[in-house]
Amino acid sequence: MLIKVHPVNPDPRHLNIIKECLLDGGVIVYPTDTIYGLGCDIFQHKAIERIARIKHIDPQKAQLSFVCYDLSDLSKYTKSIDTPLYRILKKYLPGPYTFILPASKQVPKILQSKKNTIGLRIPNHHIALSIVHQLSHPLLSASLPGEQVEEYTDPELIHTNFEKLVDIVVDGGIGGMVPSTVIDCTHSTYEIIRMGAGEWMD
């Protein structure tokens, strides 16, 4: 199913259809402030396994991240955030960044990696945040499988390619081709793992 969602004023009915799909264990493709991604409810094991199959990965070894609604939502899924880190998160979020942080016990076991870390995002994108807000907890997020090619920017082409693999493609208009900037904050010296759409000045 392809659902066109207004980028500024999403129709509550559309958001409700997407929420019910996610709560029912569905998998979606949805827009963010960077690239289109795969998404599911973090508490739906079968949906997580479906994303892992689509990407041919092990959920515990994969680079999966949580899309959170705000900093208070984000703080539930990582261990204590000290003041310097909080300032960094507040400065850069919402925005095109993924922060690798120590995972808290709130992270479902199927997603707890051996490193015990989790990628956390708050995208600067109204549709993505509206979906998470409707869901009342984070969305598990993963990049689409394969190379980031131009056809991954067009939701109609994404629907053609993925309609048999996912339940809903959320059409929020043409997406980007550059993924988020990934920063590892698990050590005292922060490290850029991937330079993406977000500039890093710290």
N, C-alpha and C. Protein backbone atom coordinates (compact mmCIF):
# COMPACT_ATOMS: atom_id res chain seq x y z
N MET A 1 0.84 -1.19 0.00
CA MET A 1 0.00 0.00 0.00
C MET A 1 0.88 1.25 0.00
N LEU A 2 0.53 2.20 -0.86
CA LEU A 2 1.24 3.49 -0.91
C LEU A 2 0.32 4.55 -0.32
N ILE A 3 0.78 5.23 0.73
CA ILE A 3 -0.02 6.28 1.36
C ILE A 3 0.70 7.61 1.22
N LYS A 4 0.05 8.55 0.52
CA LYS A 4 0.64 9.89 0.39
C LYS A 4 0.30 10.69 1.64
N VAL A 5 1.32 11.19 2.29
CA VAL A 5 1.13 11.94 3.54
C VAL A 5 1.65 13.36 3.35
N HIS A 6 0.82 14.33 3.73
CA HIS A 6 1.21 15.74 3.58
C HIS A 6 2.41 16.02 4.49
N PRO A 7 3.46 16.66 3.93
CA PRO A 7 4.70 16.86 4.71
C PRO A 7 4.57 17.80 5.90
N VAL A 8 3.57 18.68 5.88
CA VAL A 8 3.41 19.66 6.97
C VAL A 8 2.19 19.35 7.84
N ASN A 9 1.10 18.98 7.20
CA ASN A 9 -0.14 18.67 7.93
C ASN A 9 -0.60 17.25 7.62
N PRO A 10 0.05 16.24 8.20
CA PRO A 10 -0.35 14.86 7.92
C PRO A 10 -1.79 14.61 8.35
N ASP A 11 -2.54 13.92 7.51
CA ASP A 11 -3.93 13.57 7.81
C ASP A 11 -3.94 12.58 8.98
N PRO A 12 -4.65 12.91 10.07
CA PRO A 12 -4.70 11.99 11.22
C PRO A 12 -5.15 10.57 10.86
N ARG A 13 -6.04 10.47 9.84
CA ARG A 13 -6.49 9.13 9.41
C ARG A 13 -5.34 8.32 8.84
N HIS A 14 -4.51 9.00 8.04
CA HIS A 14 -3.34 8.32 7.48
C HIS A 14 -2.38 7.86 8.58
N LEU A 15 -2.14 8.76 9.54
CA LEU A 15 -1.24 8.43 10.65
C LEU A 15 -1.79 7.26 11.47
N ASN A 16 -3.10 7.21 11.61
CA ASN A 16 -3.72 6.13 12.37
C ASN A 16 -3.58 4.79 11.64
N ILE A 17 -3.74 4.79 10.33
CA ILE A 17 -3.55 3.56 9.53
C ILE A 17 -2.12 3.05 9.70
N ILE A 18 -1.15 3.98 9.64
CA ILE A 18 0.27 3.60 9.78
C ILE A 18 0.53 3.06 11.18
N LYS A 19 -0.01 3.73 12.20
CA LYS A 19 0.17 3.29 13.59
C LYS A 19 -0.40 1.88 13.79
N GLU A 20 -1.62 1.65 13.31
CA GLU A 20 -2.26 0.33 13.48
C GLU A 20 -1.45 -0.76 12.77
N CYS A 21 -0.92 -0.42 11.61
CA CYS A 21 -0.07 -1.36 10.87
C CYS A 21 1.16 -1.73 11.69
N LEU A 22 1.81 -0.72 12.29
CA LEU A 22 3.02 -0.96 13.09
C LEU A 22 2.71 -1.78 14.34
N LEU A 23 1.61 -1.44 15.02
CA LEU A 23 1.23 -2.16 16.25
C LEU A 23 0.84 -3.61 15.94
N ASP A 24 0.44 -3.83 14.68
CA ASP A 24 0.03 -5.18 14.25
C ASP A 24 1.22 -5.98 13.71
N GLY A 25 2.44 -5.42 13.87
CA GLY A 25 3.64 -6.13 13.42
C GLY A 25 4.02 -5.85 11.98
N GLY A 26 3.49 -4.75 11.43
CA GLY A 26 3.80 -4.39 10.05
C GLY A 26 5.16 -3.74 9.89
N VAL A 27 5.62 -3.71 8.64
CA VAL A 27 6.88 -3.05 8.28
C VAL A 27 6.54 -1.96 7.26
N ILE A 28 7.12 -0.79 7.46
CA ILE A 28 6.87 0.33 6.55
C ILE A 28 8.17 0.84 5.94
N VAL A 29 8.04 1.57 4.84
CA VAL A 29 9.12 2.42 4.35
C VAL A 29 8.63 3.84 4.55
N TYR A 30 9.45 4.69 5.15
CA TYR A 30 8.99 6.03 5.52
C TYR A 30 10.10 7.05 5.30
N PRO A 31 9.71 8.33 5.14
CA PRO A 31 10.71 9.37 4.88
C PRO A 31 11.31 9.92 6.18
N THR A 32 12.55 10.38 6.09
CA THR A 32 13.19 11.08 7.21
C THR A 32 13.81 12.36 6.65
N ASP A 33 14.59 13.05 7.47
CA ASP A 33 15.26 14.26 7.00
C ASP A 33 16.49 13.93 6.15
N THR A 34 16.78 12.65 5.99
CA THR A 34 17.90 12.24 5.12
C THR A 34 17.36 11.33 4.01
N ILE A 35 17.36 10.03 4.24
CA ILE A 35 16.93 9.07 3.22
C ILE A 35 15.66 8.34 3.69
N TYR A 36 14.99 7.70 2.75
CA TYR A 36 13.87 6.82 3.12
C TYR A 36 14.44 5.60 3.84
N GLY A 37 13.70 5.11 4.85
CA GLY A 37 14.18 3.96 5.62
C GLY A 37 13.09 2.94 5.86
N LEU A 38 13.51 1.75 6.29
CA LEU A 38 12.58 0.72 6.75
C LEU A 38 12.26 1.01 8.21
N GLY A 39 11.02 0.79 8.60
CA GLY A 39 10.65 1.03 10.00
C GLY A 39 9.68 -0.01 10.52
N CYS A 40 9.75 -0.26 11.82
CA CYS A 40 8.78 -1.12 12.49
C CYS A 40 8.74 -0.75 13.97
N ASP A 41 7.76 -1.30 14.68
CA ASP A 41 7.63 -1.11 16.12
C ASP A 41 8.77 -1.86 16.82
N ILE A 42 9.47 -1.18 17.74
CA ILE A 42 10.62 -1.81 18.42
C ILE A 42 10.22 -3.01 19.29
N PHE A 43 8.92 -3.13 19.59
CA PHE A 43 8.47 -4.23 20.47
C PHE A 43 7.84 -5.39 19.70
N GLN A 44 7.86 -5.31 18.37
CA GLN A 44 7.29 -6.38 17.54
C GLN A 44 8.40 -7.26 16.98
N HIS A 45 8.67 -8.37 17.67
CA HIS A 45 9.80 -9.23 17.29
C HIS A 45 9.71 -9.71 15.84
N LYS A 46 8.51 -10.12 15.44
CA LYS A 46 8.38 -10.66 14.07
C LYS A 46 8.67 -9.59 13.02
N ALA A 47 8.28 -8.36 13.33
CA ALA A 47 8.55 -7.26 12.40
C ALA A 47 10.06 -6.99 12.32
N ILE A 48 10.74 -7.05 13.46
CA ILE A 48 12.20 -6.87 13.49
C ILE A 48 12.86 -7.97 12.66
N GLU A 49 12.37 -9.20 12.82
CA GLU A 49 12.91 -10.33 12.04
C GLU A 49 12.66 -10.14 10.55
N ARG A 50 11.51 -9.56 10.20
CA ARG A 50 11.21 -9.29 8.79
C ARG A 50 12.21 -8.30 8.20
N ILE A 51 12.49 -7.23 8.96
CA ILE A 51 13.47 -6.24 8.48
C ILE A 51 14.84 -6.90 8.32
N ALA A 52 15.20 -7.75 9.29
CA ALA A 52 16.48 -8.46 9.21
C ALA A 52 16.55 -9.34 7.95
N ARG A 53 15.43 -9.97 7.61
CA ARG A 53 15.40 -10.82 6.39
C ARG A 53 15.51 -9.96 5.13
N ILE A 54 14.79 -8.83 5.12
CA ILE A 54 14.84 -7.94 3.95
C ILE A 54 16.27 -7.47 3.71
N LYS A 55 17.00 -7.21 4.81
CA LYS A 55 18.37 -6.70 4.70
C LYS A 55 19.44 -7.79 4.75
N HIS A 56 18.99 -9.05 4.97
CA HIS A 56 19.93 -10.19 5.08
C HIS A 56 20.97 -9.95 6.19
N ILE A 57 20.44 -9.63 7.38
CA ILE A 57 21.33 -9.32 8.51
C ILE A 57 20.83 -10.01 9.77
N ASP A 58 21.70 -10.04 10.78
CA ASP A 58 21.36 -10.51 12.12
C ASP A 58 20.99 -9.26 12.94
N PRO A 59 19.76 -9.23 13.53
CA PRO A 59 19.35 -8.02 14.27
C PRO A 59 20.35 -7.58 15.33
N GLN A 60 21.05 -8.53 15.95
CA GLN A 60 21.98 -8.16 17.03
C GLN A 60 23.33 -7.68 16.51
N LYS A 61 23.58 -7.90 15.22
CA LYS A 61 24.85 -7.44 14.65
C LYS A 61 24.64 -6.25 13.70
N ALA A 62 23.40 -5.94 13.46
CA ALA A 62 23.09 -4.93 12.45
C ALA A 62 23.19 -3.51 13.00
N GLN A 63 23.31 -2.57 12.08
CA GLN A 63 23.30 -1.16 12.46
C GLN A 63 21.86 -0.66 12.39
N LEU A 64 21.10 -1.00 13.40
CA LEU A 64 19.71 -0.56 13.47
C LEU A 64 19.63 0.57 14.50
N SER A 65 18.74 1.50 14.27
CA SER A 65 18.65 2.60 15.23
C SER A 65 17.19 2.85 15.60
N PHE A 66 17.02 3.59 16.67
CA PHE A 66 15.69 3.98 17.13
C PHE A 66 15.44 5.42 16.70
N VAL A 67 14.27 5.67 16.14
CA VAL A 67 13.85 7.03 15.87
C VAL A 67 12.95 7.46 17.02
N CYS A 68 13.40 8.45 17.78
CA CYS A 68 12.68 8.91 18.97
C CYS A 68 11.99 10.24 18.67
N TYR A 69 11.02 10.58 19.54
CA TYR A 69 10.24 11.80 19.32
C TYR A 69 10.96 13.03 19.85
N ASP A 70 11.59 12.90 21.02
CA ASP A 70 12.30 14.03 21.62
C ASP A 70 13.38 13.50 22.57
N LEU A 71 14.08 14.42 23.23
CA LEU A 71 15.20 14.02 24.10
C LEU A 71 14.73 13.20 25.31
N SER A 72 13.55 13.49 25.84
CA SER A 72 13.08 12.70 26.99
C SER A 72 12.75 11.28 26.56
N ASP A 73 12.24 11.13 25.34
CA ASP A 73 11.96 9.81 24.77
C ASP A 73 13.29 9.07 24.55
N LEU A 74 14.25 9.76 23.97
CA LEU A 74 15.57 9.19 23.69
C LEU A 74 16.26 8.72 24.96
N SER A 75 16.13 9.50 26.04
CA SER A 75 16.87 9.21 27.27
C SER A 75 16.44 7.89 27.94
N LYS A 76 15.26 7.38 27.59
CA LYS A 76 14.81 6.10 28.17
C LYS A 76 15.63 4.92 27.66
N TYR A 77 16.21 5.07 26.47
CA TYR A 77 16.84 3.92 25.80
C TYR A 77 18.36 3.93 25.88
N THR A 78 18.90 4.88 26.64
CA THR A 78 20.33 4.89 26.88
C THR A 78 20.59 5.07 28.37
N LYS A 79 21.78 4.67 28.81
CA LYS A 79 22.13 4.86 30.22
C LYS A 79 22.35 6.34 30.48
N SER A 80 22.57 6.71 31.70
CA SER A 80 22.57 8.12 32.11
C SER A 80 23.35 9.03 31.15
N ILE A 81 22.72 10.14 30.81
CA ILE A 81 23.34 11.13 29.93
C ILE A 81 23.93 12.24 30.80
N ASP A 82 25.25 12.42 30.71
CA ASP A 82 25.86 13.49 31.52
C ASP A 82 25.64 14.85 30.86
N THR A 83 25.98 15.90 31.58
CA THR A 83 25.68 17.25 31.11
C THR A 83 26.35 17.59 29.77
N PRO A 84 27.66 17.29 29.57
CA PRO A 84 28.28 17.63 28.28
C PRO A 84 27.59 16.91 27.11
N LEU A 85 27.23 15.62 27.31
CA LEU A 85 26.57 14.88 26.24
C LEU A 85 25.18 15.45 25.99
N TYR A 86 24.47 15.81 27.07
CA TYR A 86 23.13 16.38 26.90
C TYR A 86 23.19 17.66 26.07
N ARG A 87 24.22 18.47 26.33
CA ARG A 87 24.38 19.73 25.57
C ARG A 87 24.59 19.44 24.08
N ILE A 88 25.40 18.40 23.79
CA ILE A 88 25.66 18.01 22.40
C ILE A 88 24.35 17.55 21.74
N LEU A 89 23.62 16.68 22.43
CA LEU A 89 22.36 16.15 21.87
C LEU A 89 21.37 17.29 21.64
N LYS A 90 21.30 18.22 22.59
CA LYS A 90 20.36 19.34 22.47
C LYS A 90 20.75 20.25 21.31
N LYS A 91 22.06 20.37 21.09
CA LYS A 91 22.56 21.25 20.03
C LYS A 91 22.24 20.69 18.64
N TYR A 92 22.38 19.36 18.48
CA TYR A 92 22.29 18.76 17.15
C TYR A 92 20.94 18.12 16.82
N LEU A 93 20.11 17.90 17.82
CA LEU A 93 18.83 17.23 17.58
C LEU A 93 17.66 18.18 17.81
N PRO A 94 16.57 18.07 17.02
CA PRO A 94 16.43 17.14 15.90
C PRO A 94 17.32 17.54 14.72
N GLY A 95 17.77 16.53 14.00
CA GLY A 95 18.64 16.77 12.86
C GLY A 95 19.14 15.48 12.25
N PRO A 96 19.95 15.58 11.18
CA PRO A 96 20.39 14.40 10.42
C PRO A 96 21.59 13.68 11.06
N TYR A 97 21.40 13.26 12.31
CA TYR A 97 22.48 12.62 13.08
C TYR A 97 21.96 11.34 13.74
N THR A 98 22.84 10.36 13.84
CA THR A 98 22.58 9.16 14.65
C THR A 98 23.68 9.10 15.70
N PHE A 99 23.27 9.05 16.97
CA PHE A 99 24.24 8.98 18.07
C PHE A 99 24.29 7.55 18.61
N ILE A 100 25.49 6.97 18.61
CA ILE A 100 25.68 5.64 19.19
C ILE A 100 25.91 5.83 20.69
N LEU A 101 25.02 5.23 21.49
CA LEU A 101 25.07 5.42 22.94
C LEU A 101 24.91 4.08 23.64
N PRO A 102 25.33 3.97 24.92
CA PRO A 102 25.14 2.72 25.66
C PRO A 102 23.65 2.42 25.80
N ALA A 103 23.25 1.20 25.50
CA ALA A 103 21.84 0.82 25.54
C ALA A 103 21.37 0.61 26.99
N SER A 104 20.16 1.05 27.28
CA SER A 104 19.57 0.79 28.60
C SER A 104 18.80 -0.52 28.55
N LYS A 105 18.27 -0.92 29.70
CA LYS A 105 17.50 -2.17 29.76
C LYS A 105 16.15 -2.05 29.06
N GLN A 106 15.78 -0.84 28.68
CA GLN A 106 14.52 -0.65 27.94
C GLN A 106 14.62 -1.14 26.50
N VAL A 107 15.85 -1.32 26.02
CA VAL A 107 16.04 -1.81 24.64
C VAL A 107 15.67 -3.29 24.60
N PRO A 108 14.74 -3.69 23.73
CA PRO A 108 14.34 -5.10 23.67
C PRO A 108 15.54 -6.03 23.43
N LYS A 109 15.48 -7.21 24.07
CA LYS A 109 16.62 -8.14 24.02
C LYS A 109 17.05 -8.51 22.61
N ILE A 110 16.08 -8.66 21.71
CA ILE A 110 16.40 -9.05 20.33
C ILE A 110 17.31 -8.02 19.66
N LEU A 111 17.34 -6.80 20.19
CA LEU A 111 18.13 -5.72 19.60
C LEU A 111 19.38 -5.39 20.40
N GLN A 112 19.61 -6.09 21.50
CA GLN A 112 20.79 -5.79 22.31
C GLN A 112 22.02 -6.46 21.69
N SER A 113 22.91 -5.64 21.19
CA SER A 113 24.13 -6.14 20.56
C SER A 113 25.15 -6.53 21.62
N LYS A 114 26.18 -7.24 21.18
CA LYS A 114 27.25 -7.62 22.12
C LYS A 114 27.95 -6.40 22.68
N LYS A 115 27.99 -5.33 21.90
CA LYS A 115 28.61 -4.09 22.38
C LYS A 115 27.69 -3.36 23.36
N ASN A 116 26.42 -3.79 23.39
CA ASN A 116 25.42 -3.17 24.26
C ASN A 116 25.28 -1.66 23.98
N THR A 117 25.21 -1.36 22.69
CA THR A 117 25.01 0.03 22.27
C THR A 117 23.77 0.11 21.39
N ILE A 118 23.28 1.32 21.20
CA ILE A 118 22.12 1.53 20.33
C ILE A 118 22.30 2.86 19.61
N GLY A 119 21.88 2.90 18.35
CA GLY A 119 21.88 4.15 17.60
C GLY A 119 20.57 4.88 17.85
N LEU A 120 20.64 6.14 18.20
CA LEU A 120 19.44 6.91 18.51
C LEU A 120 19.35 8.15 17.62
N ARG A 121 18.14 8.40 17.08
CA ARG A 121 17.91 9.50 16.15
C ARG A 121 16.69 10.30 16.54
N ILE A 122 16.71 11.59 16.31
CA ILE A 122 15.51 12.42 16.32
C ILE A 122 15.56 13.22 15.01
N PRO A 123 14.93 12.71 13.96
CA PRO A 123 15.03 13.42 12.68
C PRO A 123 14.26 14.72 12.67
N ASN A 124 14.74 15.67 11.92
CA ASN A 124 14.04 16.95 11.75
C ASN A 124 13.07 16.80 10.58
N HIS A 125 12.04 15.97 10.82
CA HIS A 125 11.12 15.63 9.73
C HIS A 125 9.73 15.41 10.33
N HIS A 126 8.77 16.19 9.87
CA HIS A 126 7.46 16.20 10.51
C HIS A 126 6.74 14.84 10.38
N ILE A 127 6.83 14.21 9.23
CA ILE A 127 6.11 12.93 9.05
C ILE A 127 6.69 11.87 9.98
N ALA A 128 8.02 11.74 9.98
CA ALA A 128 8.67 10.73 10.83
C ALA A 128 8.31 10.95 12.30
N LEU A 129 8.39 12.19 12.75
CA LEU A 129 8.08 12.48 14.16
C LEU A 129 6.60 12.27 14.47
N SER A 130 5.74 12.56 13.51
CA SER A 130 4.29 12.35 13.71
C SER A 130 3.98 10.87 13.87
N ILE A 131 4.65 10.02 13.08
CA ILE A 131 4.45 8.57 13.18
C ILE A 131 4.89 8.08 14.57
N VAL A 132 6.07 8.53 15.01
CA VAL A 132 6.60 8.12 16.32
C VAL A 132 5.68 8.63 17.44
N HIS A 133 5.19 9.84 17.30
CA HIS A 133 4.30 10.41 18.30
C HIS A 133 3.01 9.60 18.41
N GLN A 134 2.46 9.21 17.26
CA GLN A 134 1.25 8.37 17.24
C GLN A 134 1.51 7.02 17.91
N LEU A 135 2.68 6.47 17.65
CA LEU A 135 3.03 5.14 18.16
C LEU A 135 3.27 5.15 19.67
N SER A 136 3.69 6.31 20.19
CA SER A 136 3.98 6.51 21.63
C SER A 136 5.27 5.84 22.11
N HIS A 137 6.06 5.31 21.21
CA HIS A 137 7.41 4.83 21.52
C HIS A 137 8.21 4.80 20.22
N PRO A 138 9.53 4.61 20.30
CA PRO A 138 10.36 4.74 19.10
C PRO A 138 10.03 3.74 17.99
N LEU A 139 10.46 4.14 16.82
CA LEU A 139 10.36 3.32 15.62
C LEU A 139 11.75 2.71 15.40
N LEU A 140 11.80 1.42 15.14
CA LEU A 140 13.07 0.82 14.73
C LEU A 140 13.33 1.25 13.30
N SER A 141 14.53 1.68 13.01
CA SER A 141 14.83 2.21 11.68
C SER A 141 16.06 1.55 11.09
N ALA A 142 15.99 1.26 9.80
CA ALA A 142 17.12 0.68 9.07
C ALA A 142 17.11 1.25 7.66
N SER A 143 18.28 1.33 7.06
CA SER A 143 18.35 1.82 5.68
C SER A 143 17.78 0.75 4.74
N LEU A 144 17.35 1.18 3.58
CA LEU A 144 16.88 0.22 2.57
C LEU A 144 18.06 -0.64 2.12
N PRO A 145 17.80 -1.89 1.75
CA PRO A 145 18.92 -2.78 1.39
C PRO A 145 19.61 -2.36 0.10
N GLY A 146 20.89 -2.70 0.01
CA GLY A 146 21.64 -2.41 -1.21
C GLY A 146 22.23 -1.02 -1.20
N GLU A 147 22.65 -0.59 -2.39
CA GLU A 147 23.29 0.72 -2.53
C GLU A 147 22.23 1.82 -2.46
N GLN A 148 22.67 3.00 -2.02
CA GLN A 148 21.77 4.16 -2.02
C GLN A 148 21.70 4.69 -3.45
N VAL A 149 20.71 4.21 -4.19
CA VAL A 149 20.59 4.60 -5.59
C VAL A 149 19.45 5.60 -5.74
N GLU A 150 19.41 6.26 -6.88
CA GLU A 150 18.43 7.33 -7.09
C GLU A 150 17.00 6.85 -6.95
N GLU A 151 16.74 5.60 -7.33
CA GLU A 151 15.35 5.12 -7.24
C GLU A 151 14.89 4.98 -5.80
N TYR A 152 15.82 5.07 -4.84
CA TYR A 152 15.44 5.04 -3.42
C TYR A 152 15.00 6.42 -2.93
N THR A 153 15.01 7.43 -3.82
CA THR A 153 14.53 8.75 -3.43
C THR A 153 13.07 8.96 -3.82
N ASP A 154 12.58 8.15 -4.75
CA ASP A 154 11.23 8.31 -5.28
C ASP A 154 10.29 7.28 -4.64
N PRO A 155 9.32 7.74 -3.83
CA PRO A 155 8.46 6.80 -3.12
C PRO A 155 7.67 5.87 -4.03
N GLU A 156 7.33 6.35 -5.23
CA GLU A 156 6.57 5.48 -6.15
C GLU A 156 7.45 4.34 -6.66
N LEU A 157 8.72 4.64 -6.95
CA LEU A 157 9.65 3.59 -7.36
C LEU A 157 9.95 2.65 -6.19
N ILE A 158 10.06 3.22 -4.98
CA ILE A 158 10.28 2.39 -3.78
C ILE A 158 9.12 1.42 -3.63
N HIS A 159 7.89 1.93 -3.84
CA HIS A 159 6.70 1.08 -3.73
C HIS A 159 6.76 -0.06 -4.75
N THR A 160 7.15 0.26 -5.97
CA THR A 160 7.27 -0.77 -7.01
C THR A 160 8.27 -1.85 -6.59
N ASN A 161 9.38 -1.43 -6.01
CA ASN A 161 10.45 -2.37 -5.63
C ASN A 161 10.15 -3.15 -4.36
N PHE A 162 9.39 -2.55 -3.44
CA PHE A 162 9.25 -3.15 -2.10
C PHE A 162 7.83 -3.55 -1.71
N GLU A 163 6.86 -3.39 -2.63
CA GLU A 163 5.47 -3.63 -2.24
C GLU A 163 5.21 -5.05 -1.76
N LYS A 164 6.02 -6.01 -2.22
CA LYS A 164 5.82 -7.40 -1.77
C LYS A 164 6.55 -7.69 -0.46
N LEU A 165 7.42 -6.77 -0.04
CA LEU A 165 8.25 -6.99 1.16
C LEU A 165 7.76 -6.21 2.37
N VAL A 166 7.09 -5.08 2.12
CA VAL A 166 6.62 -4.25 3.24
C VAL A 166 5.11 -4.06 3.14
N ASP A 167 4.51 -3.55 4.20
CA ASP A 167 3.05 -3.37 4.22
C ASP A 167 2.63 -1.99 3.71
N ILE A 168 3.40 -0.97 4.05
CA ILE A 168 3.05 0.40 3.63
C ILE A 168 4.32 1.13 3.21
N VAL A 169 4.23 1.85 2.08
CA VAL A 169 5.25 2.84 1.73
C VAL A 169 4.61 4.20 1.97
N VAL A 170 5.22 4.98 2.87
CA VAL A 170 4.70 6.31 3.21
C VAL A 170 5.33 7.31 2.24
N ASP A 171 4.51 7.89 1.40
CA ASP A 171 4.98 8.84 0.39
C ASP A 171 4.98 10.24 0.99
N GLY A 172 6.17 10.74 1.30
CA GLY A 172 6.31 12.10 1.82
C GLY A 172 7.03 12.99 0.84
N GLY A 173 7.01 12.61 -0.44
CA GLY A 173 7.72 13.37 -1.46
C GLY A 173 9.10 12.79 -1.72
N ILE A 174 9.85 13.42 -2.61
CA ILE A 174 11.18 12.93 -2.98
C ILE A 174 12.12 13.02 -1.78
N GLY A 175 12.84 11.94 -1.53
CA GLY A 175 13.77 11.89 -0.40
C GLY A 175 15.19 12.21 -0.81
N GLY A 176 16.08 12.22 0.18
CA GLY A 176 17.49 12.49 -0.08
C GLY A 176 18.27 11.23 -0.41
N MET A 177 19.56 11.42 -0.72
CA MET A 177 20.43 10.28 -1.04
C MET A 177 21.58 10.15 -0.04
N VAL A 178 21.69 11.12 0.87
CA VAL A 178 22.81 11.11 1.82
C VAL A 178 22.28 10.71 3.20
N PRO A 179 22.82 9.63 3.80
CA PRO A 179 22.33 9.19 5.12
C PRO A 179 22.78 10.11 6.24
N SER A 180 22.36 9.79 7.45
CA SER A 180 22.71 10.61 8.61
C SER A 180 24.19 10.48 8.95
N THR A 181 24.70 11.49 9.62
CA THR A 181 26.05 11.43 10.19
C THR A 181 25.98 10.62 11.48
N VAL A 182 26.88 9.65 11.62
CA VAL A 182 26.86 8.75 12.79
C VAL A 182 28.03 9.11 13.72
N ILE A 183 27.70 9.38 14.99
CA ILE A 183 28.74 9.73 15.98
C ILE A 183 28.69 8.74 17.14
N ASP A 184 29.83 8.12 17.41
CA ASP A 184 29.94 7.19 18.54
C ASP A 184 30.27 7.99 19.80
N CYS A 185 29.32 7.95 20.75
CA CYS A 185 29.49 8.70 22.00
C CYS A 185 29.68 7.76 23.19
N THR A 186 30.15 6.55 22.93
CA THR A 186 30.31 5.57 24.02
C THR A 186 31.63 5.74 24.76
N HIS A 187 32.52 6.58 24.24
CA HIS A 187 33.80 6.85 24.91
C HIS A 187 33.92 8.35 25.18
N SER A 188 34.86 8.72 25.98
CA SER A 188 35.00 10.14 26.35
C SER A 188 35.33 11.00 25.14
N THR A 189 36.05 10.42 24.16
CA THR A 189 36.32 11.14 22.91
C THR A 189 35.32 10.66 21.87
N TYR A 190 34.46 11.56 21.41
CA TYR A 190 33.45 11.18 20.43
C TYR A 190 34.10 10.95 19.07
N GLU A 191 33.60 9.94 18.36
CA GLU A 191 34.21 9.56 17.09
C GLU A 191 33.16 9.54 15.98
N ILE A 192 33.50 10.18 14.86
CA ILE A 192 32.60 10.13 13.70
C ILE A 192 32.79 8.79 12.99
N ILE A 193 31.73 7.99 12.98
CA ILE A 193 31.77 6.68 12.33
C ILE A 193 31.45 6.81 10.84
N ARG A 194 30.53 7.73 10.53
CA ARG A 194 30.16 7.96 9.13
C ARG A 194 29.81 9.44 8.96
N MET A 195 30.47 10.08 8.03
CA MET A 195 30.13 11.48 7.73
C MET A 195 28.99 11.47 6.72
N GLY A 196 27.87 12.03 7.11
CA GLY A 196 26.71 12.04 6.24
C GLY A 196 26.18 13.44 6.05
N ALA A 197 24.84 13.55 6.13
CA ALA A 197 24.18 14.83 5.83
C ALA A 197 24.46 15.91 6.87
N GLY A 198 24.71 15.50 8.13
CA GLY A 198 24.88 16.50 9.20
C GLY A 198 26.32 16.94 9.36
N GLU A 199 26.54 18.25 9.43
CA GLU A 199 27.89 18.77 9.68
C GLU A 199 28.22 18.61 11.16
N TRP A 200 29.48 18.35 11.44
CA TRP A 200 29.92 18.10 12.82
C TRP A 200 30.98 19.12 13.19
N MET A 201 30.70 19.96 14.18
CA MET A 201 31.61 21.03 14.54
C MET A 201 32.31 20.82 15.87
N ASP A 202 31.92 19.77 16.64
CA ASP A 202 32.49 19.59 17.98
C ASP A 202 33.78 18.78 17.95
